[in-house]
C-alpha atoms as a PDB file:
ATOM      1  CA  MET A   1      10.909  13.508   5.869  1.00  0.00           C
ATOM      2  CA  THR A   2      12.503  13.805   2.430  1.00  0.00           C
ATOM      3  CA  LYS A   3      13.587  17.306   1.452  1.00  0.00           C
ATOM      4  CA  SER A   4      14.435  18.877  -1.862  1.00  0.00           C
ATOM      5  CA  THR A   5      17.769  20.576  -2.484  1.00  0.00           C
ATOM      6  CA  SER A   6      16.138  23.862  -1.421  1.00  0.00           C
ATOM      7  CA  GLY A   7      15.220  22.332   1.946  1.00  0.00           C
ATOM      8  CA  THR A   8      11.496  22.256   1.168  1.00  0.00           C
ATOM      9  CA  PRO A   9       9.779  18.984   2.165  1.00  0.00           C
ATOM     10  CA  ARG A  10       8.968  16.806  -0.838  1.00  0.00           C
ATOM     11  CA  PRO A  11       5.727  14.848  -1.164  1.00  0.00           C
ATOM     12  CA  ALA A  12       6.029  11.166  -0.291  1.00  0.00           C
ATOM     13  CA  ILE A  13       4.328  10.360  -3.600  1.00  0.00           C
ATOM     14  CA  GLU A  14       4.247  12.573  -6.671  1.00  0.00           C
ATOM     15  CA  LEU A  15       2.678  11.660 -10.006  1.00  0.00           C
ATOM     16  CA  ARG A  16       2.800  14.001 -12.985  1.00  0.00           C
ATOM     17  CA  ASP A  17       0.606  13.510 -16.069  1.00  0.00           C
ATOM     18  CA  VAL A  18       0.553   9.720 -15.764  1.00  0.00           C
ATOM     19  CA  HIS A  19      -1.025   7.746 -18.600  1.00  0.00           C
ATOM     20  CA  LEU A  20      -1.325   3.964 -18.588  1.00  0.00           C
ATOM     21  CA  SER A  21      -3.010   1.546 -20.981  1.00  0.00           C
ATOM     22  CA  LEU A  22      -3.438  -2.200 -20.578  1.00  0.00           C
ATOM     23  CA  GLY A  23      -4.105  -4.895 -23.156  1.00  0.00           C
ATOM     24  CA  ARG A  24      -3.049  -5.179 -26.781  1.00  0.00           C
ATOM     25  CA  ALA A  25      -4.253  -4.013 -30.177  1.00  0.00           C
ATOM     26  CA  ALA A  26      -8.054  -3.669 -30.317  1.00  0.00           C
ATOM     27  CA  ALA A  27      -8.346  -4.845 -26.693  1.00  0.00           C
ATOM     28  CA  ARG A  28      -6.059  -2.089 -25.398  1.00  0.00           C
ATOM     29  CA  VAL A  29      -7.801   0.113 -22.827  1.00  0.00           C
ATOM     30  CA  HIS A  30      -6.651   3.548 -21.645  1.00  0.00           C
ATOM     31  CA  ILE A  31      -6.883   3.108 -17.841  1.00  0.00           C
ATOM     32  CA  LEU A  32      -5.206   6.240 -16.419  1.00  0.00           C
ATOM     33  CA  LYS A  33      -5.578   9.493 -18.326  1.00  0.00           C
ATOM     34  CA  GLY A  34      -3.204  12.253 -17.335  1.00  0.00           C
ATOM     35  CA  VAL A  35      -3.271  11.706 -13.575  1.00  0.00           C
ATOM     36  CA  SER A  36      -1.313  14.217 -11.481  1.00  0.00           C
ATOM     37  CA  LEU A  37      -1.333  13.842  -7.712  1.00  0.00           C
ATOM     38  CA  ALA A  38       0.841  14.601  -4.688  1.00  0.00           C
ATOM     39  CA  VAL A  39       0.560  12.811  -1.331  1.00  0.00           C
ATOM     40  CA  GLU A  40       2.346  14.475   1.567  1.00  0.00           C
ATOM     41  CA  THR A  41       4.655  12.626   3.933  1.00  0.00           C
ATOM     42  CA  GLY A  42       2.611  11.082   6.748  1.00  0.00           C
ATOM     43  CA  GLU A  43      -0.705  11.734   5.029  1.00  0.00           C
ATOM     44  CA  ALA A  44      -3.480   9.130   4.760  1.00  0.00           C
ATOM     45  CA  VAL A  45      -5.315   9.238   1.432  1.00  0.00           C
ATOM     46  CA  GLY A  46      -8.301   7.167   0.323  1.00  0.00           C
ATOM     47  CA  LEU A  47      -8.814   6.446  -3.376  1.00  0.00           C
ATOM     48  CA  VAL A  48     -12.533   6.140  -4.092  1.00  0.00           C
ATOM     49  CA  GLY A  49     -14.781   5.867  -7.108  1.00  0.00           C
ATOM     50  CA  PRO A  50     -16.906   3.362  -9.052  1.00  0.00           C
ATOM     51  CA  SER A  51     -15.619  -0.028 -10.180  1.00  0.00           C
ATOM     52  CA  GLY A  52     -13.447   0.333 -13.270  1.00  0.00           C
ATOM     53  CA  SER A  53     -12.480   3.922 -12.489  1.00  0.00           C
ATOM     54  CA  GLY A  54      -8.763   3.082 -12.256  1.00  0.00           C
ATOM     55  CA  LYS A  55      -8.325   3.150  -8.460  1.00  0.00           C
ATOM     56  CA  SER A  56      -6.422  -0.128  -8.121  1.00  0.00           C
ATOM     57  CA  THR A  57      -4.302   0.571 -11.198  1.00  0.00           C
ATOM     58  CA  LEU A  58      -3.356   3.973  -9.776  1.00  0.00           C
ATOM     59  CA  LEU A  59      -2.429   2.308  -6.488  1.00  0.00           C
ATOM     60  CA  MET A  60      -0.224  -0.187  -8.331  1.00  0.00           C
ATOM     61  CA  VAL A  61       1.559   2.717 -10.047  1.00  0.00           C
ATOM     62  CA  MET A  62       2.085   4.318  -6.637  1.00  0.00           C
ATOM     63  CA  ALA A  63       3.525   1.029  -5.368  1.00  0.00           C
ATOM     64  CA  GLY A  64       5.901   0.670  -8.312  1.00  0.00           C
ATOM     65  CA  LEU A  65       4.109  -2.477  -9.479  1.00  0.00           C
ATOM     66  CA  GLU A  66       2.862  -0.955 -12.746  1.00  0.00           C
ATOM     67  CA  ARG A  67       4.927   1.289 -15.011  1.00  0.00           C
ATOM     68  CA  PRO A  68       3.037   4.089 -16.766  1.00  0.00           C
ATOM     69  CA  ASP A  69       3.267   4.576 -20.528  1.00  0.00           C
ATOM     70  CA  SER A  70       4.141   8.216 -19.966  1.00  0.00           C
ATOM     71  CA  GLY A  71       4.439  10.733 -17.156  1.00  0.00           C
ATOM     72  CA  SER A  72       6.655  10.661 -14.072  1.00  0.00           C
ATOM     73  CA  VAL A  73       6.465   8.892 -10.701  1.00  0.00           C
ATOM     74  CA  THR A  74       8.484   9.941  -7.657  1.00  0.00           C
ATOM     75  CA  LEU A  75       8.290   7.871  -4.465  1.00  0.00           C
ATOM     76  CA  ASP A  76       9.905   8.829  -1.163  1.00  0.00           C
ATOM     77  CA  GLY A  77      11.922  11.512  -2.936  1.00  0.00           C
ATOM     78  CA  ARG A  78      13.244   9.245  -5.688  1.00  0.00           C
ATOM     79  CA  SER A  79      12.189   9.153  -9.315  1.00  0.00           C
ATOM     80  CA  ILE A  80      11.514   5.558 -10.309  1.00  0.00           C
ATOM     81  CA  ASP A  81      11.005   6.291 -14.017  1.00  0.00           C
ATOM     82  CA  GLY A  82      14.409   5.057 -15.176  1.00  0.00           C
ATOM     83  CA  LEU A  83      15.016   2.271 -12.679  1.00  0.00           C
ATOM     84  CA  SER A  84      15.721  -1.232 -13.946  1.00  0.00           C
ATOM     85  CA  GLU A  85      13.367  -3.993 -12.822  1.00  0.00           C
ATOM     86  CA  ASP A  86      15.931  -5.227 -10.280  1.00  0.00           C
ATOM     87  CA  ALA A  87      16.583  -1.747  -8.892  1.00  0.00           C
ATOM     88  CA  LEU A  88      12.862  -1.043  -8.703  1.00  0.00           C
ATOM     89  CA  ALA A  89      12.248  -4.336  -6.880  1.00  0.00           C
ATOM     90  CA  ARG A  90      14.951  -3.491  -4.326  1.00  0.00           C
ATOM     91  CA  PHE A  91      13.562  -0.006  -3.801  1.00  0.00           C
ATOM     92  CA  ARG A  92      10.012  -1.313  -3.477  1.00  0.00           C
ATOM     93  CA  GLY A  93      11.072  -4.001  -1.024  1.00  0.00           C
ATOM     94  CA  SER A  94      12.698  -1.529   1.340  1.00  0.00           C
ATOM     95  CA  ARG A  95      10.483   1.566   1.037  1.00  0.00           C
ATOM     96  CA  ILE A  96       6.951   0.398   0.175  1.00  0.00           C
ATOM     97  CA  GLY A  97       4.643  -1.940   2.082  1.00  0.00           C
ATOM     98  CA  ILE A  98       1.716  -3.486   0.216  1.00  0.00           C
ATOM     99  CA  VAL A  99      -1.487  -5.026   1.612  1.00  0.00           C
ATOM    100  CA  PHE A 100      -3.791  -6.820  -0.839  1.00  0.00           C
ATOM    101  CA  GLN A 101      -7.458  -7.752  -0.512  1.00  0.00           C
ATOM    102  CA  SER A 102      -6.637 -11.442  -1.050  1.00  0.00           C
ATOM    103  CA  PHE A 103      -3.796 -11.592   1.522  1.00  0.00           C
ATOM    104  CA  HIS A 104      -1.298 -13.257  -0.905  1.00  0.00           C
ATOM    105  CA  LEU A 105       0.258 -15.412   1.795  1.00  0.00           C
ATOM    106  CA  ILE A 106       2.345 -18.439   0.822  1.00  0.00           C
ATOM    107  CA  PRO A 107       0.281 -21.454   1.958  1.00  0.00           C
ATOM    108  CA  THR A 108       3.258 -23.739   2.642  1.00  0.00           C
ATOM    109  CA  MET A 109       4.893 -21.245   5.020  1.00  0.00           C
ATOM    110  CA  THR A 110       3.982 -20.399   8.606  1.00  0.00           C
ATOM    111  CA  ALA A 111       2.860 -16.935   9.637  1.00  0.00           C
ATOM    112  CA  LEU A 112       6.375 -16.245  10.915  1.00  0.00           C
ATOM    113  CA  GLU A 113       7.979 -17.384   7.667  1.00  0.00           C
ATOM    114  CA  ASN A 114       5.552 -15.306   5.582  1.00  0.00           C
ATOM    115  CA  VAL A 115       6.423 -12.150   7.504  1.00  0.00           C
ATOM    116  CA  ALA A 116      10.153 -12.869   7.345  1.00  0.00           C
ATOM    117  CA  ILE A 117      10.195 -13.170   3.534  1.00  0.00           C
ATOM    118  CA  PRO A 118      10.715  -9.484   2.621  1.00  0.00           C
ATOM    119  CA  LEU A 119      13.397  -9.196   5.289  1.00  0.00           C
ATOM    120  CA  GLU A 120      15.246 -12.273   4.044  1.00  0.00           C
ATOM    121  CA  LEU A 121      15.147 -10.848   0.512  1.00  0.00           C
ATOM    122  CA  GLN A 122      17.011  -7.844   1.911  1.00  0.00           C
ATOM    123  CA  ALA A 123      19.520 -10.195   3.554  1.00  0.00           C
ATOM    124  CA  SER A 124      18.506  -9.056   7.029  1.00  0.00           C
ATOM    125  CA  ARG A 125      20.324 -10.990   9.741  1.00  0.00           C
ATOM    126  CA  ASP A 126      17.430 -10.430  12.139  1.00  0.00           C
ATOM    127  CA  ALA A 127      14.629 -11.442   9.769  1.00  0.00           C
ATOM    128  CA  PHE A 128      12.897 -13.868  12.116  1.00  0.00           C
ATOM    129  CA  SER A 129      13.396 -11.712  15.189  1.00  0.00           C
ATOM    130  CA  ILE A 130      11.823  -8.723  13.448  1.00  0.00           C
ATOM    131  CA  ALA A 131       9.040 -10.893  12.013  1.00  0.00           C
ATOM    132  CA  SER A 132       8.259 -12.175  15.501  1.00  0.00           C
ATOM    133  CA  LYS A 133       7.991  -8.614  16.844  1.00  0.00           C
ATOM    134  CA  GLU A 134       5.702  -7.615  13.977  1.00  0.00           C
ATOM    135  CA  LEU A 135       3.367 -10.540  14.625  1.00  0.00           C
ATOM    136  CA  LEU A 136       3.261  -9.589  18.292  1.00  0.00           C
ATOM    137  CA  ALA A 137       2.389  -6.023  17.227  1.00  0.00           C
ATOM    138  CA  VAL A 138      -0.651  -7.265  15.273  1.00  0.00           C
ATOM    139  CA  GLY A 139      -1.800  -9.537  18.090  1.00  0.00           C
ATOM    140  CA  LEU A 140      -0.682 -12.878  16.683  1.00  0.00           C
ATOM    141  CA  GLY A 141       2.000 -13.831  19.155  1.00  0.00           C
ATOM    142  CA  ASP A 142       0.351 -17.218  19.692  1.00  0.00           C
ATOM    143  CA  ARG A 143      -0.188 -17.967  15.977  1.00  0.00           C
ATOM    144  CA  MET A 144       3.340 -17.655  14.599  1.00  0.00           C
ATOM    145  CA  SER A 145       3.742 -21.338  13.772  1.00  0.00           C
ATOM    146  CA  HIS A 146       0.321 -21.644  12.124  1.00  0.00           C
ATOM    147  CA  TYR A 147      -0.119 -21.948   8.365  1.00  0.00           C
ATOM    148  CA  PRO A 148      -2.530 -19.662   6.452  1.00  0.00           C
ATOM    149  CA  ALA A 149      -5.165 -22.408   6.163  1.00  0.00           C
ATOM    150  CA  GLN A 150      -5.202 -22.644   9.965  1.00  0.00           C
ATOM    151  CA  LEU A 151      -5.950 -18.916  10.344  1.00  0.00           C
ATOM    152  CA  SER A 152      -9.183 -16.970   9.960  1.00  0.00           C
ATOM    153  CA  GLY A 153      -9.503 -14.316   7.258  1.00  0.00           C
ATOM    154  CA  GLY A 154      -8.911 -11.572   9.791  1.00  0.00           C
ATOM    155  CA  GLU A 155      -5.811 -13.326  11.108  1.00  0.00           C
ATOM    156  CA  GLN A 156      -4.463 -13.813   7.592  1.00  0.00           C
ATOM    157  CA  GLN A 157      -4.869 -10.108   6.898  1.00  0.00           C
ATOM    158  CA  ARG A 158      -3.020  -9.347  10.141  1.00  0.00           C
ATOM    159  CA  VAL A 159      -0.151 -11.509   8.908  1.00  0.00           C
ATOM    160  CA  ALA A 160      -0.236  -9.632   5.586  1.00  0.00           C
ATOM    161  CA  LEU A 161      -0.151  -6.306   7.445  1.00  0.00           C
ATOM    162  CA  ALA A 162       2.773  -7.471   9.593  1.00  0.00           C
ATOM    163  CA  ARG A 163       4.612  -8.553   6.444  1.00  0.00           C
ATOM    164  CA  ALA A 164       4.007  -5.168   4.782  1.00  0.00           C
ATOM    165  CA  LEU A 165       5.286  -3.270   7.822  1.00  0.00           C
ATOM    166  CA  ALA A 166       8.262  -5.509   8.637  1.00  0.00           C
ATOM    167  CA  PRO A 167      10.791  -3.602   6.465  1.00  0.00           C
ATOM    168  CA  ASN A 168       9.612  -0.333   8.102  1.00  0.00           C
ATOM    169  CA  PRO A 169       8.453   1.205   4.796  1.00  0.00           C
ATOM    170  CA  ALA A 170       8.035   4.930   4.221  1.00  0.00           C
ATOM    171  CA  ILE A 171       4.867   4.271   2.211  1.00  0.00           C
ATOM    172  CA  LEU A 172       2.078   1.783   2.928  1.00  0.00           C
ATOM    173  CA  VAL A 173      -0.500   1.035   0.220  1.00  0.00           C
ATOM    174  CA  ALA A 174      -3.588  -1.125   0.690  1.00  0.00           C
ATOM    175  CA  ASP A 175      -6.021  -2.373  -1.962  1.00  0.00           C
ATOM    176  CA  GLU A 176      -9.459  -3.012  -0.419  1.00  0.00           C
ATOM    177  CA  PRO A 177      -7.831  -4.305   2.803  1.00  0.00           C
ATOM    178  CA  THR A 178     -11.217  -5.185   4.357  1.00  0.00           C
ATOM    179  CA  GLY A 179     -12.869  -6.456   1.175  1.00  0.00           C
ATOM    180  CA  ASN A 180     -12.673 -10.164   2.085  1.00  0.00           C
ATOM    181  CA  LEU A 181     -13.436  -9.758   5.782  1.00  0.00           C
ATOM    182  CA  ASP A 182     -16.575  -9.752   7.892  1.00  0.00           C
ATOM    183  CA  GLU A 183     -17.573  -6.468   9.502  1.00  0.00           C
ATOM    184  CA  GLU A 184     -15.971  -7.134  12.883  1.00  0.00           C
ATOM    185  CA  SER A 185     -12.682  -8.391  11.429  1.00  0.00           C
ATOM    186  CA  GLY A 186     -12.621  -5.511   8.963  1.00  0.00           C
ATOM    187  CA  ARG A 187     -13.094  -2.950  11.724  1.00  0.00           C
ATOM    188  CA  SER A 188     -10.292  -4.556  13.732  1.00  0.00           C
ATOM    189  CA  ILE A 189      -7.900  -4.441  10.749  1.00  0.00           C
ATOM    190  CA  VAL A 190      -8.724  -0.773  10.104  1.00  0.00           C
ATOM    191  CA  GLU A 191      -8.027   0.186  13.718  1.00  0.00           C
ATOM    192  CA  LEU A 192      -4.772  -1.746  13.685  1.00  0.00           C
ATOM    193  CA  MET A 193      -3.619  -0.389  10.325  1.00  0.00           C
ATOM    194  CA  PHE A 194      -4.182   3.241  11.288  1.00  0.00           C
ATOM    195  CA  ALA A 195      -2.659   2.791  14.750  1.00  0.00           C
ATOM    196  CA  LEU A 196       0.517   1.174  13.407  1.00  0.00           C
ATOM    197  CA  ARG A 197       0.782   3.666  10.569  1.00  0.00           C
ATOM    198  CA  ARG A 198       0.459   6.555  13.034  1.00  0.00           C
ATOM    199  CA  GLU A 199       3.116   5.073  15.351  1.00  0.00           C
ATOM    200  CA  ARG A 200       5.604   4.749  12.511  1.00  0.00           C
ATOM    201  CA  GLY A 201       4.839   7.956  10.633  1.00  0.00           C
ATOM    202  CA  ALA A 202       4.258   6.126   7.352  1.00  0.00           C
ATOM    203  CA  THR A 203       2.341   7.592   4.442  1.00  0.00           C
ATOM    204  CA  LEU A 204      -0.820   5.573   3.723  1.00  0.00           C
ATOM    205  CA  VAL A 205      -2.771   5.281   0.475  1.00  0.00           C
ATOM    206  CA  LEU A 206      -5.690   2.886   0.277  1.00  0.00           C
ATOM    207  CA  VAL A 207      -8.368   1.895  -2.216  1.00  0.00           C
ATOM    208  CA  THR A 208     -11.790   1.288  -0.719  1.00  0.00           C
ATOM    209  CA  HIS A 209     -15.518   1.165  -1.443  1.00  0.00           C
ATOM    210  CA  ASP A 210     -16.171   1.506   2.300  1.00  0.00           C
ATOM    211  CA  ALA A 211     -17.250   5.075   3.105  1.00  0.00           C
ATOM    212  CA  THR A 212     -16.434   4.582   6.794  1.00  0.00           C
ATOM    213  CA  LEU A 213     -12.880   3.516   5.979  1.00  0.00           C
ATOM    214  CA  ALA A 214     -12.440   6.398   3.512  1.00  0.00           C
ATOM    215  CA  ALA A 215     -13.616   8.805   6.225  1.00  0.00           C
ATOM    216  CA  ARG A 216     -10.699   7.735   8.440  1.00  0.00           C
ATOM    217  CA  CYS A 217      -8.276   9.245   5.918  1.00  0.00           C
ATOM    218  CA  ASP A 218      -7.043  12.834   5.891  1.00  0.00           C
ATOM    219  CA  ARG A 219      -8.232  13.210   2.321  1.00  0.00           C
ATOM    220  CA  THR A 220     -10.148  11.326  -0.353  1.00  0.00           C
ATOM    221  CA  VAL A 221      -9.271  11.362  -4.035  1.00  0.00           C
ATOM    222  CA  ARG A 222     -12.173  10.470  -6.324  1.00  0.00           C
ATOM    223  CA  LEU A 223     -11.589   8.843  -9.693  1.00  0.00           C
ATOM    224  CA  ARG A 224     -13.914   8.342 -12.619  1.00  0.00           C
ATOM    225  CA  SER A 225     -12.973   6.809 -15.982  1.00  0.00           C
ATOM    226  CA  GLY A 226      -9.269   7.046 -15.226  1.00  0.00           C
ATOM    227  CA  GLU A 227      -9.240  10.691 -14.212  1.00  0.00           C
ATOM    228  CA  ILE A 228      -9.244  12.491 -10.867  1.00  0.00           C
ATOM    229  CA  VAL A 229     -12.568  14.289 -10.521  1.00  0.00           C
ATOM    230  CA  GLY A 230     -12.239  15.509  -6.953  1.00  0.00           C
ATOM    231  CA  ALA A 231     -10.064  15.570  -3.848  1.00  0.00           C
ATOM    232  CA  GLU A 232     -11.708  16.245  -0.523  1.00  0.00           C
ATOM    233  CA  PRO A 233     -10.118  16.906   2.881  1.00  0.00           C
ATOM    234  CA  LEU A 234     -11.975  15.118   5.672  1.00  0.00           C
ATOM    235  CA  ALA A 235     -12.061  16.587   9.151  1.00  0.00           C
ATOM    236  CA  ILE A 236     -12.370  13.244  10.911  1.00  0.00           C
ATOM    237  CA  ALA A 237      -9.679  12.156  13.354  1.00  0.00           C
ATOM    238  CA  ARG A 238      -7.549   9.200  12.265  1.00  0.00           C
END
Protein backbone atom coordinates (compact mmCIF):
# COMPACT_ATOMS: atom_id res chain seq x y z
CA MET A 1 0.00 0.00 0.00
CA THR A 2 1.34 3.43 -0.94
CA LYS A 3 1.65 5.88 1.94
CA SER A 4 2.02 9.63 2.07
CA THR A 5 4.91 11.31 3.86
CA SER A 6 2.70 11.48 6.97
CA GLY A 7 2.27 7.70 6.89
CA THR A 8 -1.40 7.90 5.89
CA PRO A 9 -2.38 5.44 3.12
CA ARG A 10 -2.87 7.16 -0.23
CA PRO A 11 -5.67 6.25 -2.64
CA ALA A 12 -4.59 3.99 -5.50
CA ILE A 13 -6.25 6.44 -7.90
CA GLU A 14 -6.92 10.11 -7.24
CA LEU A 15 -8.42 12.55 -9.73
CA ARG A 16 -8.91 16.22 -8.89
CA ASP A 17 -11.10 18.53 -10.99
CA VAL A 18 -10.38 16.70 -14.25
CA HIS A 19 -11.66 18.25 -17.47
CA LEU A 20 -11.20 16.66 -20.88
CA SER A 21 -12.47 17.62 -24.32
CA LEU A 22 -12.12 15.67 -27.56
CA GLY A 23 -12.36 16.82 -31.16
CA ARG A 24 -11.43 20.11 -32.78
CA ALA A 25 -13.00 23.51 -33.38
CA ALA A 26 -16.80 23.29 -33.75
CA ALA A 27 -16.68 19.50 -33.31
CA ARG A 28 -14.94 19.74 -29.93
CA VAL A 29 -16.96 18.10 -27.16
CA HIS A 30 -16.47 18.58 -23.41
CA ILE A 31 -16.43 14.93 -22.22
CA LEU A 32 -15.35 15.14 -18.56
CA LYS A 33 -16.46 18.14 -16.53
CA GLY A 34 -14.64 18.68 -13.27
CA VAL A 35 -14.42 15.04 -12.17
CA SER A 36 -12.91 14.43 -8.73
CA LEU A 37 -12.68 10.86 -7.46
CA ALA A 38 -10.56 8.71 -5.15
CA VAL A 39 -10.32 4.91 -5.36
CA GLU A 40 -8.77 3.20 -2.36
CA THR A 41 -6.03 0.60 -2.62
CA GLY A 42 -7.59 -2.84 -3.13
CA GLU A 43 -11.05 -1.44 -3.82
CA ALA A 44 -13.26 -2.61 -6.70
CA VAL A 45 -15.23 0.21 -8.32
CA GLY A 46 -17.79 -0.01 -11.12
CA LEU A 47 -18.32 2.98 -13.42
CA VAL A 48 -21.93 3.03 -14.60
CA GLY A 49 -24.21 5.36 -16.48
CA PRO A 50 -25.88 5.82 -19.89
CA SER A 51 -24.00 5.62 -23.18
CA GLY A 52 -22.09 8.84 -23.82
CA SER A 53 -21.82 9.72 -20.13
CA GLY A 54 -18.01 9.63 -20.18
CA LYS A 55 -17.41 6.29 -18.43
CA SER A 56 -14.88 4.88 -20.90
CA THR A 57 -13.09 8.22 -21.24
CA LEU A 58 -12.78 8.44 -17.45
CA LEU A 59 -11.38 4.91 -17.39
CA MET A 60 -8.81 5.83 -20.04
CA VAL A 61 -7.73 8.80 -17.89
CA MET A 62 -7.38 6.43 -14.93
CA ALA A 63 -5.25 4.13 -17.09
CA GLY A 64 -2.99 6.94 -18.27
CA LEU A 65 -4.17 6.48 -21.86
CA GLU A 66 -5.84 9.90 -22.10
CA ARG A 67 -4.38 13.13 -20.73
CA PRO A 68 -6.87 15.62 -19.29
CA ASP A 69 -6.92 19.25 -20.41
CA SER A 70 -6.76 20.34 -16.79
CA GLY A 71 -6.85 18.86 -13.31
CA SER A 72 -4.52 16.32 -11.70
CA VAL A 73 -4.20 12.53 -11.87
CA THR A 74 -2.29 10.46 -9.32
CA LEU A 75 -1.91 6.71 -9.84
CA ASP A 76 -0.37 4.32 -7.32
CA GLY A 77 0.98 7.27 -5.36
CA ARG A 78 2.60 9.00 -8.33
CA SER A 79 1.42 12.11 -10.13
CA ILE A 80 1.43 11.45 -13.86
CA ASP A 81 0.61 15.04 -14.86
CA GLY A 82 4.14 16.01 -15.90
CA LEU A 83 5.41 12.70 -17.23
CA SER A 84 6.74 12.50 -20.77
CA GLU A 85 5.04 10.06 -23.13
CA ASP A 86 7.92 7.58 -22.73
CA ALA A 87 7.92 7.83 -18.94
CA LEU A 88 4.15 7.48 -18.84
CA ALA A 89 4.29 4.41 -21.09
CA ARG A 90 6.89 2.78 -18.82
CA PHE A 91 4.85 3.56 -15.72
CA ARG A 92 1.66 2.28 -17.32
CA GLY A 93 3.35 -0.90 -18.50
CA SER A 94 4.55 -1.82 -15.03
CA ARG A 95 1.75 -0.56 -12.76
CA ILE A 96 -1.51 -0.71 -14.74
CA GLY A 97 -3.21 -3.68 -16.38
CA ILE A 98 -5.85 -3.00 -19.03
CA VAL A 99 -8.62 -5.29 -20.32
CA PHE A 100 -10.63 -4.10 -23.34
CA GLN A 101 -14.01 -5.24 -24.62
CA SER A 102 -12.49 -6.16 -28.00
CA PHE A 103 -9.56 -8.19 -26.58
CA HIS A 104 -6.90 -6.35 -28.69
CA LEU A 105 -4.82 -9.48 -29.21
CA ILE A 106 -2.22 -9.57 -31.98
CA PRO A 107 -3.58 -12.09 -34.52
CA THR A 108 -0.18 -13.27 -35.78
CA MET A 109 1.04 -14.19 -32.28
CA THR A 110 0.14 -17.20 -30.16
CA ALA A 111 -1.60 -16.86 -26.81
CA LEU A 112 1.76 -17.29 -25.09
CA GLU A 113 3.41 -14.61 -27.22
CA ASN A 114 0.52 -12.19 -26.65
CA VAL A 115 0.83 -12.53 -22.88
CA ALA A 116 4.61 -12.20 -22.98
CA ILE A 117 4.54 -8.88 -24.87
CA PRO A 118 4.27 -6.48 -21.89
CA LEU A 119 6.96 -8.43 -20.06
CA GLU A 120 9.32 -8.33 -23.03
CA LEU A 121 8.78 -4.57 -23.28
CA GLN A 122 10.07 -4.37 -19.71
CA ALA A 123 13.07 -6.50 -20.70
CA SER A 124 12.01 -9.30 -18.37
CA ARG A 125 14.30 -12.32 -18.64
CA ASP A 126 11.47 -14.62 -17.59
CA ALA A 127 8.82 -13.25 -19.96
CA PHE A 128 7.72 -16.58 -21.40
CA SER A 129 7.92 -18.41 -18.09
CA ILE A 130 5.70 -15.82 -16.43
CA ALA A 131 3.35 -15.76 -19.42
CA SER A 132 3.00 -19.53 -19.21
CA LYS A 133 2.09 -19.33 -15.51
CA GLU A 134 -0.49 -16.62 -16.21
CA LEU A 135 -2.16 -18.69 -18.92
CA LEU A 136 -2.28 -21.63 -16.53
CA ALA A 137 -3.90 -19.32 -13.95
CA VAL A 138 -6.71 -18.45 -16.37
CA GLY A 139 -7.25 -22.07 -17.39
CA LEU A 140 -5.55 -22.02 -20.78
CA GLY A 141 -2.62 -24.31 -20.14
CA ASP A 142 -3.53 -26.38 -23.20
CA ARG A 143 -4.08 -23.40 -25.53
CA MET A 144 -0.76 -21.58 -25.27
CA SER A 145 0.34 -22.28 -28.83
CA HIS A 146 -3.03 -21.35 -30.36
CA TYR A 147 -3.57 -18.13 -32.30
CA PRO A 148 -6.48 -15.78 -31.47
CA ALA A 149 -8.52 -16.97 -34.46
CA GLN A 150 -8.33 -20.51 -33.06
CA LEU A 151 -9.79 -19.42 -29.70
CA SER A 152 -13.37 -18.69 -28.66
CA GLY A 153 -14.34 -15.20 -27.50
CA GLY A 154 -14.19 -16.30 -23.88
CA GLU A 155 -10.74 -17.81 -24.38
CA GLN A 156 -9.49 -14.66 -26.09
CA GLN A 157 -10.66 -12.57 -23.15
CA ARG A 158 -8.85 -14.96 -20.80
CA VAL A 159 -5.67 -14.37 -22.78
CA ALA A 160 -6.28 -10.61 -22.53
CA LEU A 161 -6.78 -10.92 -18.77
CA ALA A 162 -3.59 -12.97 -18.42
CA ARG A 163 -1.72 -10.33 -20.42
CA ALA A 164 -3.06 -7.52 -18.21
CA LEU A 165 -2.05 -9.33 -15.02
CA ALA A 166 1.35 -10.61 -16.19
CA PRO A 167 3.34 -7.54 -15.00
CA ASN A 168 1.61 -7.84 -11.59
CA PRO A 169 0.01 -4.37 -11.81
CA ALA A 170 -1.17 -2.38 -8.81
CA ILE A 171 -4.23 -1.23 -10.76
CA LEU A 172 -6.43 -3.25 -13.12
CA VAL A 173 -8.93 -1.43 -15.36
CA ALA A 174 -11.50 -3.13 -17.58
CA ASP A 175 -13.75 -1.55 -20.22
CA GLU A 176 -16.91 -3.64 -20.69
CA PRO A 177 -14.91 -6.88 -20.20
CA THR A 178 -17.98 -9.07 -20.88
CA GLY A 179 -19.49 -6.92 -23.63
CA ASN A 180 -18.51 -9.23 -26.51
CA LEU A 181 -19.17 -12.51 -24.70
CA ASP A 182 -22.14 -14.81 -24.31
CA GLU A 183 -23.70 -15.05 -20.86
CA GLU A 184 -21.84 -18.17 -19.76
CA SER A 185 -18.44 -16.96 -20.96
CA GLY A 186 -19.07 -13.54 -19.44
CA ARG A 187 -19.92 -15.05 -16.06
CA SER A 188 -16.76 -17.17 -16.18
CA ILE A 189 -14.58 -14.12 -16.96
CA VAL A 190 -16.16 -12.15 -14.10
CA GLU A 191 -15.50 -14.93 -11.60
CA LEU A 192 -11.93 -15.28 -12.80
CA MET A 193 -11.23 -11.54 -12.84
CA PHE A 194 -12.46 -11.00 -9.29
CA ALA A 195 -10.72 -14.12 -7.97
CA LEU A 196 -7.35 -13.17 -9.46
CA ARG A 197 -7.72 -9.55 -8.41
CA ARG A 198 -8.50 -10.64 -4.84
CA GLU A 199 -5.49 -13.00 -4.74
CA ARG A 200 -3.13 -10.25 -5.84
CA GLY A 201 -4.61 -7.34 -3.90
CA ALA A 202 -4.96 -5.20 -7.02
CA THR A 203 -7.27 -2.21 -7.26
CA LEU A 204 -9.99 -2.79 -9.88
CA VAL A 205 -11.99 -0.22 -11.84
CA LEU A 206 -14.38 -1.39 -14.53
CA VAL A 207 -16.91 0.12 -16.90
CA THR A 208 -20.07 -1.91 -17.36
CA HIS A 209 -23.73 -1.78 -18.38
CA ASP A 210 -24.26 -5.10 -16.60
CA ALA A 211 -26.00 -4.51 -13.25
CA THR A 212 -24.93 -7.94 -11.99
CA LEU A 213 -21.27 -7.19 -12.71
CA ALA A 214 -21.53 -3.73 -11.12
CA ALA A 215 -23.04 -5.35 -8.01
CA ARG A 216 -19.87 -7.42 -7.55
CA CYS A 217 -17.92 -4.21 -6.89
CA ASP A 218 -17.43 -2.57 -3.50
CA ARG A 219 -18.84 0.66 -4.88
CA THR A 220 -20.46 2.07 -8.00
CA VAL A 221 -19.78 5.52 -9.39
CA ARG A 222 -22.55 6.86 -11.63
CA LEU A 223 -21.81 9.31 -14.42
CA ARG A 224 -24.12 11.46 -16.48
CA SER A 225 -23.05 13.99 -19.13
CA GLY A 226 -19.43 13.88 -17.99
CA GLU A 227 -20.09 14.45 -14.31
CA ILE A 228 -20.30 12.16 -11.29
CA VAL A 229 -23.89 12.16 -10.08
CA GLY A 230 -23.65 9.48 -7.42
CA ALA A 231 -21.39 6.97 -5.69
CA GLU A 232 -22.98 4.03 -3.95
CA PRO A 233 -21.40 1.43 -1.65
CA LEU A 234 -22.73 -2.06 -2.36
CA ALA A 235 -22.94 -4.62 0.41
CA ILE A 236 -22.49 -7.61 -1.87
CA ALA A 237 -19.53 -9.92 -1.36
CA ARG A 238 -16.90 -9.88 -4.11
